[in-house]
Amino acid sequence: MRCPHGQSSFAIPAVSTDSLDFDRLNLRQLRLNLRQLRLNLRQLRLNLRQLRLNLRQLRLNLRQPRLNQPDAAWFYPDPKAEARHIAGYVAFWRGVTVSE
């Protein structure tokens, strides 16, 4: 048989069955890895959906005024030396209105 480059013959590389088995195992492992990645992606999407729902619920909770806030006001009877200018003042949580 003549080779297109003028050589008298050319050899077809021999393929062993061991390398084919190895390639099959690698392909199987790649498929398993791909399946695991798809499952991880699906789980990440579900987690993201849950986070969005939690954020939506938090926003709704922040918009609704709370009528009973036991910790809505506080004061420091003996503040540290750096904060002595706040002695005698009462602090209120954001959104609290004072009425008589």
PDB file of N, CA and C in Angstrom:
ATOM      1  N   MET A   1       0.843  -1.164   0.000  1.00  0.00           N
ATOM      2  CA  MET A   1       0.000   0.000   0.000  1.00  0.00           C
ATOM      3  C   MET A   1       0.888   1.225   0.000  1.00  0.00           C
ATOM      4  N   ARG A   2       0.535   2.211  -0.766  1.00  0.00           N
ATOM      5  CA  ARG A   2       1.320   3.437  -0.879  1.00  0.00           C
ATOM      6  C   ARG A   2       0.653   4.543  -0.071  1.00  0.00           C
ATOM      7  N   CYS A   3       1.463   5.267   0.593  1.00  0.00           N
ATOM      8  CA  CYS A   3       1.022   6.405   1.386  1.00  0.00           C
ATOM      9  C   CYS A   3       0.931   7.615   0.469  1.00  0.00           C
ATOM     10  N   PRO A   4       0.070   8.568   0.719  1.00  0.00           N
ATOM     11  CA  PRO A   4      -0.027   9.736  -0.140  1.00  0.00           C
ATOM     12  C   PRO A   4       1.240  10.582  -0.141  1.00  0.00           C
ATOM     13  N   HIS A   5       2.135  10.392   0.810  1.00  0.00           N
ATOM     14  CA  HIS A   5       3.355  11.196   0.888  1.00  0.00           C
ATOM     15  C   HIS A   5       4.551  10.484   0.262  1.00  0.00           C
ATOM     16  N   GLY A   6       4.341   9.428  -0.402  1.00  0.00           N
ATOM     17  CA  GLY A   6       5.411   8.739  -1.079  1.00  0.00           C
ATOM     18  C   GLY A   6       6.089   7.646  -0.274  1.00  0.00           C
ATOM     19  N   GLN A   7       5.663   7.421   0.962  1.00  0.00           N
ATOM     20  CA  GLN A   7       6.253   6.344   1.736  1.00  0.00           C
ATOM     21  C   GLN A   7       5.653   5.032   1.272  1.00  0.00           C
ATOM     22  N   SER A   8       6.385   3.992   1.490  1.00  0.00           N
ATOM     23  CA  SER A   8       5.931   2.706   0.979  1.00  0.00           C
ATOM     24  C   SER A   8       4.737   2.165   1.756  1.00  0.00           C
ATOM     25  N   SER A   9       4.701   2.389   3.041  1.00  0.00           N
ATOM     26  CA  SER A   9       3.558   1.916   3.821  1.00  0.00           C
ATOM     27  C   SER A   9       3.428   2.782   5.071  1.00  0.00           C
ATOM     28  N   PHE A  10       2.292   2.767   5.591  1.00  0.00           N
ATOM     29  CA  PHE A  10       2.098   3.490   6.852  1.00  0.00           C
ATOM     30  C   PHE A  10       1.357   2.576   7.805  1.00  0.00           C
ATOM     31  N   ALA A  11       1.621   2.795   9.063  1.00  0.00           N
ATOM     32  CA  ALA A  11       1.051   1.916  10.093  1.00  0.00           C
ATOM     33  C   ALA A  11      -0.149   2.583  10.739  1.00  0.00           C
ATOM     34  N   ILE A  12      -1.145   1.800  10.944  1.00  0.00           N
ATOM     35  CA  ILE A  12      -2.314   2.247  11.691  1.00  0.00           C
ATOM     36  C   ILE A  12      -2.016   1.939  13.157  1.00  0.00           C
ATOM     37  N   PRO A  13      -2.108   2.939  14.015  1.00  0.00           N
ATOM     38  CA  PRO A  13      -1.768   2.687  15.402  1.00  0.00           C
ATOM     39  C   PRO A  13      -2.707   1.651  16.009  1.00  0.00           C
ATOM     40  N   ALA A  14      -2.140   0.780  16.764  1.00  0.00           N
ATOM     41  CA  ALA A  14      -2.924  -0.267  17.425  1.00  0.00           C
ATOM     42  C   ALA A  14      -3.611   0.320  18.647  1.00  0.00           C
ATOM     43  N   VAL A  15      -4.836  -0.058  18.834  1.00  0.00           N
ATOM     44  CA  VAL A  15      -5.608   0.397  19.982  1.00  0.00           C
ATOM     45  C   VAL A  15      -5.839  -0.804  20.863  1.00  0.00           C
ATOM     46  N   SER A  16      -5.422  -0.685  22.090  1.00  0.00           N
ATOM     47  CA  SER A  16      -5.605  -1.815  23.001  1.00  0.00           C
ATOM     48  C   SER A  16      -6.977  -1.728  23.647  1.00  0.00           C
ATOM     49  N   THR A  17      -7.451  -2.855  24.065  1.00  0.00           N
ATOM     50  CA  THR A  17      -8.752  -2.882  24.739  1.00  0.00           C
ATOM     51  C   THR A  17      -8.665  -2.227  26.101  1.00  0.00           C
ATOM     52  N   ASP A  18      -7.475  -2.204  26.688  1.00  0.00           N
ATOM     53  CA  ASP A  18      -7.325  -1.536  27.982  1.00  0.00           C
ATOM     54  C   ASP A  18      -7.618  -0.049  27.861  1.00  0.00           C
ATOM     55  N   SER A  19      -7.121   0.578  26.812  1.00  0.00           N
ATOM     56  CA  SER A  19      -7.359   2.014  26.660  1.00  0.00           C
ATOM     57  C   SER A  19      -8.834   2.289  26.358  1.00  0.00           C
ATOM     58  N   LEU A  20      -9.494   1.387  25.635  1.00  0.00           N
ATOM     59  CA  LEU A  20     -10.927   1.556  25.379  1.00  0.00           C
ATOM     60  C   LEU A  20     -11.725   1.452  26.669  1.00  0.00           C
ATOM     61  N   ASP A  21     -11.363   0.492  27.512  1.00  0.00           N
ATOM     62  CA  ASP A  21     -12.043   0.363  28.796  1.00  0.00           C
ATOM     63  C   ASP A  21     -11.826   1.602  29.651  1.00  0.00           C
ATOM     64  N   PHE A  22     -10.588   2.098  29.624  1.00  0.00           N
ATOM     65  CA  PHE A  22     -10.264   3.312  30.373  1.00  0.00           C
ATOM     66  C   PHE A  22     -11.077   4.493  29.867  1.00  0.00           C
ATOM     67  N   ASP A  23     -11.204   4.627  28.542  1.00  0.00           N
ATOM     68  CA  ASP A  23     -11.998   5.709  27.957  1.00  0.00           C
ATOM     69  C   ASP A  23     -13.468   5.572  28.325  1.00  0.00           C
ATOM     70  N   ARG A  24     -13.962   4.342  28.342  1.00  0.00           N
ATOM     71  CA  ARG A  24     -15.365   4.113  28.739  1.00  0.00           C
ATOM     72  C   ARG A  24     -15.586   4.512  30.193  1.00  0.00           C
ATOM     73  N   LEU A  25     -14.633   4.168  31.054  1.00  0.00           N
ATOM     74  CA  LEU A  25     -14.748   4.547  32.463  1.00  0.00           C
ATOM     75  C   LEU A  25     -14.697   6.057  32.629  1.00  0.00           C
ATOM     76  N   ASN A  26     -13.816   6.691  31.885  1.00  0.00           N
ATOM     77  CA  ASN A  26     -13.737   8.158  31.951  1.00  0.00           C
ATOM     78  C   ASN A  26     -15.024   8.794  31.466  1.00  0.00           C
ATOM     79  N   LEU A  27     -15.579   8.271  30.386  1.00  0.00           N
ATOM     80  CA  LEU A  27     -16.828   8.798  29.856  1.00  0.00           C
ATOM     81  C   LEU A  27     -17.961   8.600  30.868  1.00  0.00           C
ATOM     82  N   ARG A  28     -17.980   7.449  31.500  1.00  0.00           N
ATOM     83  CA  ARG A  28     -19.014   7.187  32.506  1.00  0.00           C
ATOM     84  C   ARG A  28     -18.860   8.144  33.685  1.00  0.00           C
ATOM     85  N   GLN A  29     -17.617   8.363  34.110  1.00  0.00           N
ATOM     86  CA  GLN A  29     -17.374   9.281  35.213  1.00  0.00           C
ATOM     87  C   GLN A  29     -17.763  10.701  34.831  1.00  0.00           C
ATOM     88  N   LEU A  30     -17.468  11.099  33.600  1.00  0.00           N
ATOM     89  CA  LEU A  30     -17.860  12.434  33.138  1.00  0.00           C
ATOM     90  C   LEU A  30     -19.374  12.593  33.122  1.00  0.00           C
ATOM     91  N   ARG A  31     -20.073  11.559  32.713  1.00  0.00           N
ATOM     92  CA  ARG A  31     -21.544  11.611  32.712  1.00  0.00           C
ATOM     93  C   ARG A  31     -22.087  11.729  34.133  1.00  0.00           C
ATOM     94  N   LEU A  32     -21.482  10.981  35.053  1.00  0.00           N
ATOM     95  CA  LEU A  32     -21.910  11.069  36.448  1.00  0.00           C
ATOM     96  C   LEU A  32     -21.633  12.460  37.016  1.00  0.00           C
ATOM     97  N   ASN A  33     -20.468  13.011  36.671  1.00  0.00           N
ATOM     98  CA  ASN A  33     -20.141  14.358  37.134  1.00  0.00           C
ATOM     99  C   ASN A  33     -21.107  15.384  36.571  1.00  0.00           C
ATOM    100  N   LEU A  34     -21.456  15.229  35.307  1.00  0.00           N
ATOM    101  CA  LEU A  34     -22.414  16.141  34.686  1.00  0.00           C
ATOM    102  C   LEU A  34     -23.781  16.036  35.357  1.00  0.00           C
ATOM    103  N   ARG A  35     -24.188  14.835  35.667  1.00  0.00           N
ATOM    104  CA  ARG A  35     -25.470  14.640  36.356  1.00  0.00           C
ATOM    105  C   ARG A  35     -25.432  15.298  37.731  1.00  0.00           C
ATOM    106  N   GLN A  36     -24.316  15.129  38.439  1.00  0.00           N
ATOM    107  CA  GLN A  36     -24.193  15.752  39.758  1.00  0.00           C
ATOM    108  C   GLN A  36     -24.200  17.264  39.654  1.00  0.00           C
ATOM    109  N   LEU A  37     -23.545  17.806  38.632  1.00  0.00           N
ATOM    110  CA  LEU A  37     -23.564  19.255  38.431  1.00  0.00           C
ATOM    111  C   LEU A  37     -24.971  19.765  38.146  1.00  0.00           C
ATOM    112  N   ARG A  38     -25.723  19.010  37.366  1.00  0.00           N
ATOM    113  CA  ARG A  38     -27.111  19.408  37.092  1.00  0.00           C
ATOM    114  C   ARG A  38     -27.950  19.398  38.358  1.00  0.00           C
ATOM    115  N   LEU A  39     -27.741  18.378  39.201  1.00  0.00           N
ATOM    116  CA  LEU A  39     -28.475  18.311  40.470  1.00  0.00           C
ATOM    117  C   LEU A  39     -28.075  19.479  41.377  1.00  0.00           C
ATOM    118  N   ASN A  40     -26.786  19.801  41.405  1.00  0.00           N
ATOM    119  CA  ASN A  40     -26.327  20.927  42.215  1.00  0.00           C
ATOM    120  C   ASN A  40     -26.917  22.233  41.714  1.00  0.00           C
ATOM    121  N   LEU A  41     -26.981  22.384  40.395  1.00  0.00           N
ATOM    122  CA  LEU A  41     -27.559  23.591  39.816  1.00  0.00           C
ATOM    123  C   LEU A  41     -29.043  23.694  40.170  1.00  0.00           C
ATOM    124  N   ARG A  42     -29.745  22.590  40.111  1.00  0.00           N
ATOM    125  CA  ARG A  42     -31.164  22.584  40.472  1.00  0.00           C
ATOM    126  C   ARG A  42     -31.330  22.986  41.936  1.00  0.00           C
ATOM    127  N   GLN A  43     -30.455  22.461  42.820  1.00  0.00           N
ATOM    128  CA  GLN A  43     -30.530  22.803  44.236  1.00  0.00           C
ATOM    129  C   GLN A  43     -30.216  24.276  44.459  1.00  0.00           C
ATOM    130  N   LEU A  44     -29.234  24.798  43.729  1.00  0.00           N
ATOM    131  CA  LEU A  44     -28.922  26.218  43.842  1.00  0.00           C
ATOM    132  C   LEU A  44     -30.091  27.087  43.399  1.00  0.00           C
ATOM    133  N   ARG A  45     -30.767  26.676  42.351  1.00  0.00           N
ATOM    134  CA  ARG A  45     -31.940  27.432  41.889  1.00  0.00           C
ATOM    135  C   ARG A  45     -33.043  27.422  42.934  1.00  0.00           C
ATOM    136  N   LEU A  46     -33.247  26.259  43.574  1.00  0.00           N
ATOM    137  CA  LEU A  46     -34.259  26.179  44.629  1.00  0.00           C
ATOM    138  C   LEU A  46     -33.876  27.052  45.817  1.00  0.00           C
ATOM    139  N   ASN A  47     -32.584  27.046  46.167  1.00  0.00           N
ATOM    140  CA  ASN A  47     -32.128  27.886  47.273  1.00  0.00           C
ATOM    141  C   ASN A  47     -32.308  29.363  46.946  1.00  0.00           C
ATOM    142  N   LEU A  48     -32.013  29.737  45.718  1.00  0.00           N
ATOM    143  CA  LEU A  48     -32.189  31.122  45.300  1.00  0.00           C
ATOM    144  C   LEU A  48     -33.662  31.518  45.344  1.00  0.00           C
ATOM    145  N   ARG A  49     -34.533  30.632  44.916  1.00  0.00           N
ATOM    146  CA  ARG A  49     -35.967  30.908  44.968  1.00  0.00           C
ATOM    147  C   ARG A  49     -36.415  31.105  46.416  1.00  0.00           C
ATOM    148  N   GLN A  50     -35.898  30.249  47.320  1.00  0.00           N
ATOM    149  CA  GLN A  50     -36.262  30.370  48.727  1.00  0.00           C
ATOM    150  C   GLN A  50     -35.735  31.669  49.322  1.00  0.00           C
ATOM    151  N   LEU A  51     -34.521  32.050  48.937  1.00  0.00           N
ATOM    152  CA  LEU A  51     -33.975  33.320  49.415  1.00  0.00           C
ATOM    153  C   LEU A  51     -34.804  34.504  48.930  1.00  0.00           C
ATOM    154  N   ARG A  52     -35.245  34.449  47.696  1.00  0.00           N
ATOM    155  CA  ARG A  52     -36.089  35.533  47.173  1.00  0.00           C
ATOM    156  C   ARG A  52     -37.406  35.612  47.933  1.00  0.00           C
ATOM    157  N   LEU A  53     -38.002  34.453  48.240  1.00  0.00           N
ATOM    158  CA  LEU A  53     -39.240  34.448  49.006  1.00  0.00           C
ATOM    159  C   LEU A  53     -39.014  34.994  50.418  1.00  0.00           C
ATOM    160  N   ASN A  54     -37.895  34.616  51.025  1.00  0.00           N
ATOM    161  CA  ASN A  54     -37.582  35.123  52.367  1.00  0.00           C
ATOM    162  C   ASN A  54     -37.379  36.635  52.340  1.00  0.00           C
ATOM    163  N   LEU A  55     -36.701  37.124  51.316  1.00  0.00           N
ATOM    164  CA  LEU A  55     -36.485  38.565  51.191  1.00  0.00           C
ATOM    165  C   LEU A  55     -37.804  39.299  50.986  1.00  0.00           C
ATOM    166  N   ARG A  56     -38.670  38.747  50.176  1.00  0.00           N
ATOM    167  CA  ARG A  56     -39.992  39.357  49.955  1.00  0.00           C
ATOM    168  C   ARG A  56     -40.777  39.421  51.262  1.00  0.00           C
ATOM    169  N   GLN A  57     -40.725  38.323  52.034  1.00  0.00           N
ATOM    170  CA  GLN A  57     -41.434  38.284  53.312  1.00  0.00           C
ATOM    171  C   GLN A  57     -40.832  39.300  54.287  1.00  0.00           C
ATOM    172  N   LEU A  58     -39.515  39.423  54.285  1.00  0.00           N
ATOM    173  CA  LEU A  58     -38.866  40.397  55.160  1.00  0.00           C
ATOM    174  C   LEU A  58     -39.266  41.820  54.791  1.00  0.00           C
ATOM    175  N   ARG A  59     -39.321  42.105  53.510  1.00  0.00           N
ATOM    176  CA  ARG A  59     -39.744  43.434  53.074  1.00  0.00           C
ATOM    177  C   ARG A  59     -41.176  43.726  53.516  1.00  0.00           C
ATOM    178  N   LEU A  60     -42.044  42.730  53.406  1.00  0.00           N
ATOM    179  CA  LEU A  60     -43.432  42.917  53.835  1.00  0.00           C
ATOM    180  C   LEU A  60     -43.496  43.151  55.335  1.00  0.00           C
ATOM    181  N   ASN A  61     -42.693  42.410  56.084  1.00  0.00           N
ATOM    182  CA  ASN A  61     -42.689  42.581  57.535  1.00  0.00           C
ATOM    183  C   ASN A  61     -42.191  43.960  57.932  1.00  0.00           C
ATOM    184  N   LEU A  62     -41.204  44.481  57.199  1.00  0.00           N
ATOM    185  CA  LEU A  62     -40.680  45.798  57.524  1.00  0.00           C
ATOM    186  C   LEU A  62     -41.669  46.910  57.187  1.00  0.00           C
ATOM    187  N   ARG A  63     -42.505  46.682  56.194  1.00  0.00           N
ATOM    188  CA  ARG A  63     -43.474  47.713  55.798  1.00  0.00           C
ATOM    189  C   ARG A  63     -44.646  47.802  56.769  1.00  0.00           C
ATOM    190  N   GLN A  64     -44.969  46.687  57.402  1.00  0.00           N
ATOM    191  CA  GLN A  64     -46.119  46.675  58.290  1.00  0.00           C
ATOM    192  C   GLN A  64     -45.713  47.217  59.662  1.00  0.00           C
ATOM    193  N   PRO A  65     -46.431  48.186  60.146  1.00  0.00           N
ATOM    194  CA  PRO A  65     -46.091  48.714  61.468  1.00  0.00           C
ATOM    195  C   PRO A  65     -46.455  47.712  62.563  1.00  0.00           C
ATOM    196  N   ARG A  66     -45.592  47.636  63.541  1.00  0.00           N
ATOM    197  CA  ARG A  66     -45.870  46.758  64.680  1.00  0.00           C
ATOM    198  C   ARG A  66     -46.504  47.604  65.776  1.00  0.00           C
ATOM    199  N   LEU A  67     -47.600  47.132  66.303  1.00  0.00           N
ATOM    200  CA  LEU A  67     -48.308  47.891  67.324  1.00  0.00           C
ATOM    201  C   LEU A  67     -47.714  47.646  68.703  1.00  0.00           C
ATOM    202  N   ASN A  68     -47.158  46.489  68.909  1.00  0.00           N
ATOM    203  CA  ASN A  68     -46.614  46.147  70.210  1.00  0.00           C
ATOM    204  C   ASN A  68     -45.121  45.893  70.071  1.00  0.00           C
ATOM    205  N   GLN A  69     -44.329  46.882  70.463  1.00  0.00           N
ATOM    206  CA  GLN A  69     -42.874  46.756  70.390  1.00  0.00           C
ATOM    207  C   GLN A  69     -42.302  47.008  71.777  1.00  0.00           C
ATOM    208  N   PRO A  70     -42.094  45.958  72.543  1.00  0.00           N
ATOM    209  CA  PRO A  70     -41.624  46.172  73.914  1.00  0.00           C
ATOM    210  C   PRO A  70     -40.208  46.753  73.978  1.00  0.00           C
ATOM    211  N   ASP A  71     -39.387  46.521  72.986  1.00  0.00           N
ATOM    212  CA  ASP A  71     -38.017  47.037  72.996  1.00  0.00           C
ATOM    213  C   ASP A  71     -37.849  48.217  72.043  1.00  0.00           C
ATOM    214  N   ALA A  72     -38.895  49.000  71.841  1.00  0.00           N
ATOM    215  CA  ALA A  72     -38.842  50.085  70.870  1.00  0.00           C
ATOM    216  C   ALA A  72     -38.168  51.330  71.418  1.00  0.00           C
ATOM    217  N   ALA A  73     -37.961  51.401  72.721  1.00  0.00           N
ATOM    218  CA  ALA A  73     -37.301  52.564  73.312  1.00  0.00           C
ATOM    219  C   ALA A  73     -36.308  52.080  74.359  1.00  0.00           C
ATOM    220  N   TRP A  74     -35.219  52.815  74.494  1.00  0.00           N
ATOM    221  CA  TRP A  74     -34.208  52.463  75.489  1.00  0.00           C
ATOM    222  C   TRP A  74     -33.417  53.711  75.867  1.00  0.00           C
ATOM    223  N   PHE A  75     -32.702  53.601  76.953  1.00  0.00           N
ATOM    224  CA  PHE A  75     -31.848  54.705  77.383  1.00  0.00           C
ATOM    225  C   PHE A  75     -30.648  54.125  78.112  1.00  0.00           C
ATOM    226  N   TYR A  76     -29.659  54.956  78.294  1.00  0.00           N
ATOM    227  CA  TYR A  76     -28.432  54.565  78.987  1.00  0.00           C
ATOM    228  C   TYR A  76     -28.305  55.435  80.242  1.00  0.00           C
ATOM    229  N   PRO A  77     -28.617  54.905  81.407  1.00  0.00           N
ATOM    230  CA  PRO A  77     -28.558  55.738  82.611  1.00  0.00           C
ATOM    231  C   PRO A  77     -27.134  56.160  82.970  1.00  0.00           C
ATOM    232  N   ASP A  78     -26.167  55.304  82.743  1.00  0.00           N
ATOM    233  CA  ASP A  78     -24.762  55.632  83.036  1.00  0.00           C
ATOM    234  C   ASP A  78     -23.913  55.336  81.804  1.00  0.00           C
ATOM    235  N   PRO A  79     -23.930  56.218  80.802  1.00  0.00           N
ATOM    236  CA  PRO A  79     -23.139  55.947  79.593  1.00  0.00           C
ATOM    237  C   PRO A  79     -21.641  56.104  79.872  1.00  0.00           C
ATOM    238  N   LYS A  80     -20.841  55.552  79.007  1.00  0.00           N
ATOM    239  CA  LYS A  80     -19.383  55.689  79.111  1.00  0.00           C
ATOM    240  C   LYS A  80     -18.997  57.156  78.925  1.00  0.00           C
ATOM    241  N   ALA A  81     -17.782  57.454  79.281  1.00  0.00           N
ATOM    242  CA  ALA A  81     -17.322  58.845  79.221  1.00  0.00           C
ATOM    243  C   ALA A  81     -17.415  59.418  77.810  1.00  0.00           C
ATOM    244  N   GLU A  82     -17.135  58.599  76.785  1.00  0.00           N
ATOM    245  CA  GLU A  82     -17.200  59.070  75.402  1.00  0.00           C
ATOM    246  C   GLU A  82     -18.625  59.382  74.964  1.00  0.00           C
ATOM    247  N   ALA A  83     -19.606  58.792  75.639  1.00  0.00           N
ATOM    248  CA  ALA A  83     -21.004  58.976  75.231  1.00  0.00           C
ATOM    249  C   ALA A  83     -21.812  59.717  76.286  1.00  0.00           C
ATOM    250  N   ARG A  84     -21.169  60.503  77.115  1.00  0.00           N
ATOM    251  CA  ARG A  84     -21.894  61.182  78.201  1.00  0.00           C
ATOM    252  C   ARG A  84     -22.899  62.202  77.673  1.00  0.00           C
ATOM    253  N   HIS A  85     -22.744  62.626  76.421  1.00  0.00           N
ATOM    254  CA  HIS A  85     -23.694  63.589  75.846  1.00  0.00           C
ATOM    255  C   HIS A  85     -25.086  62.992  75.616  1.00  0.00           C
ATOM    256  N   ILE A  86     -25.232  61.669  75.686  1.00  0.00           N
ATOM    257  CA  ILE A  86     -26.554  61.051  75.506  1.00  0.00           C
ATOM    258  C   ILE A  86     -27.210  60.718  76.837  1.00  0.00           C
ATOM    259  N   ALA A  87     -26.582  61.055  77.939  1.00  0.00           N
ATOM    260  CA  ALA A  87     -27.169  60.776  79.256  1.00  0.00           C
ATOM    261  C   ALA A  87     -28.486  61.533  79.395  1.00  0.00           C
ATOM    262  N   GLY A  88     -29.502  60.847  79.869  1.00  0.00           N
ATOM    263  CA  GLY A  88     -30.806  61.464  80.083  1.00  0.00           C
ATOM    264  C   GLY A  88     -31.706  61.446  78.861  1.00  0.00           C
ATOM    265  N   TYR A  89     -31.214  61.020  77.694  1.00  0.00           N
ATOM    266  CA  TYR A  89     -32.034  60.949  76.485  1.00  0.00           C
ATOM    267  C   TYR A  89     -32.619  59.555  76.330  1.00  0.00           C
ATOM    268  N   VAL A  90     -33.747  59.491  75.650  1.00  0.00           N
ATOM    269  CA  VAL A  90     -34.383  58.209  75.329  1.00  0.00           C
ATOM    270  C   VAL A  90     -34.276  58.020  73.828  1.00  0.00           C
ATOM    271  N   ALA A  91     -33.867  56.825  73.419  1.00  0.00           N
ATOM    272  CA  ALA A  91     -33.749  56.501  71.991  1.00  0.00           C
ATOM    273  C   ALA A  91     -34.930  55.636  71.576  1.00  0.00           C
ATOM    274  N   PHE A  92     -35.390  55.844  70.346  1.00  0.00           N
ATOM    275  CA  PHE A  92     -36.521  55.084  69.815  1.00  0.00           C
ATOM    276  C   PHE A  92     -36.103  54.337  68.564  1.00  0.00           C
ATOM    277  N   TRP A  93     -36.673  53.165  68.384  1.00  0.00           N
ATOM    278  CA  TRP A  93     -36.439  52.379  67.188  1.00  0.00           C
ATOM    279  C   TRP A  93     -37.038  53.088  65.997  1.00  0.00           C
ATOM    280  N   ARG A  94     -36.452  52.899  64.833  1.00  0.00           N
ATOM    281  CA  ARG A  94     -36.926  53.539  63.610  1.00  0.00           C
ATOM    282  C   ARG A  94     -38.389  53.160  63.354  1.00  0.00           C
ATOM    283  N   GLY A  95     -39.162  54.133  63.002  1.00  0.00           N
ATOM    284  CA  GLY A  95     -40.571  53.898  62.701  1.00  0.00           C
ATOM    285  C   GLY A  95     -41.483  54.104  63.898  1.00  0.00           C
ATOM    286  N   VAL A  96     -40.915  54.321  65.081  1.00  0.00           N
ATOM    287  CA  VAL A  96     -41.736  54.537  66.269  1.00  0.00           C
ATOM    288  C   VAL A  96     -42.130  56.002  66.330  1.00  0.00           C
ATOM    289  N   THR A  97     -43.408  56.239  66.556  1.00  0.00           N
ATOM    290  CA  THR A  97     -43.872  57.607  66.730  1.00  0.00           C
ATOM    291  C   THR A  97     -44.353  57.766  68.163  1.00  0.00           C
ATOM    292  N   VAL A  98     -44.063  58.898  68.728  1.00  0.00           N
ATOM    293  CA  VAL A  98     -44.438  59.185  70.113  1.00  0.00           C
ATOM    294  C   VAL A  98     -45.682  60.051  70.097  1.00  0.00           C
ATOM    295  N   SER A  99     -46.666  59.618  70.831  1.00  0.00           N
ATOM    296  CA  SER A  99     -47.913  60.392  70.909  1.00  0.00           C
ATOM    297  C   SER A  99     -48.407  60.380  72.350  1.00  0.00           C
ATOM    298  N   GLU A 100     -49.213  61.360  72.673  1.00  0.00           N
ATOM    299  CA  GLU A 100     -49.745  61.451  74.045  1.00  0.00           C
ATOM    300  C   GLU A 100     -51.044  60.713  74.172  1.00  0.00           C
TER     301      GLU A 100
END
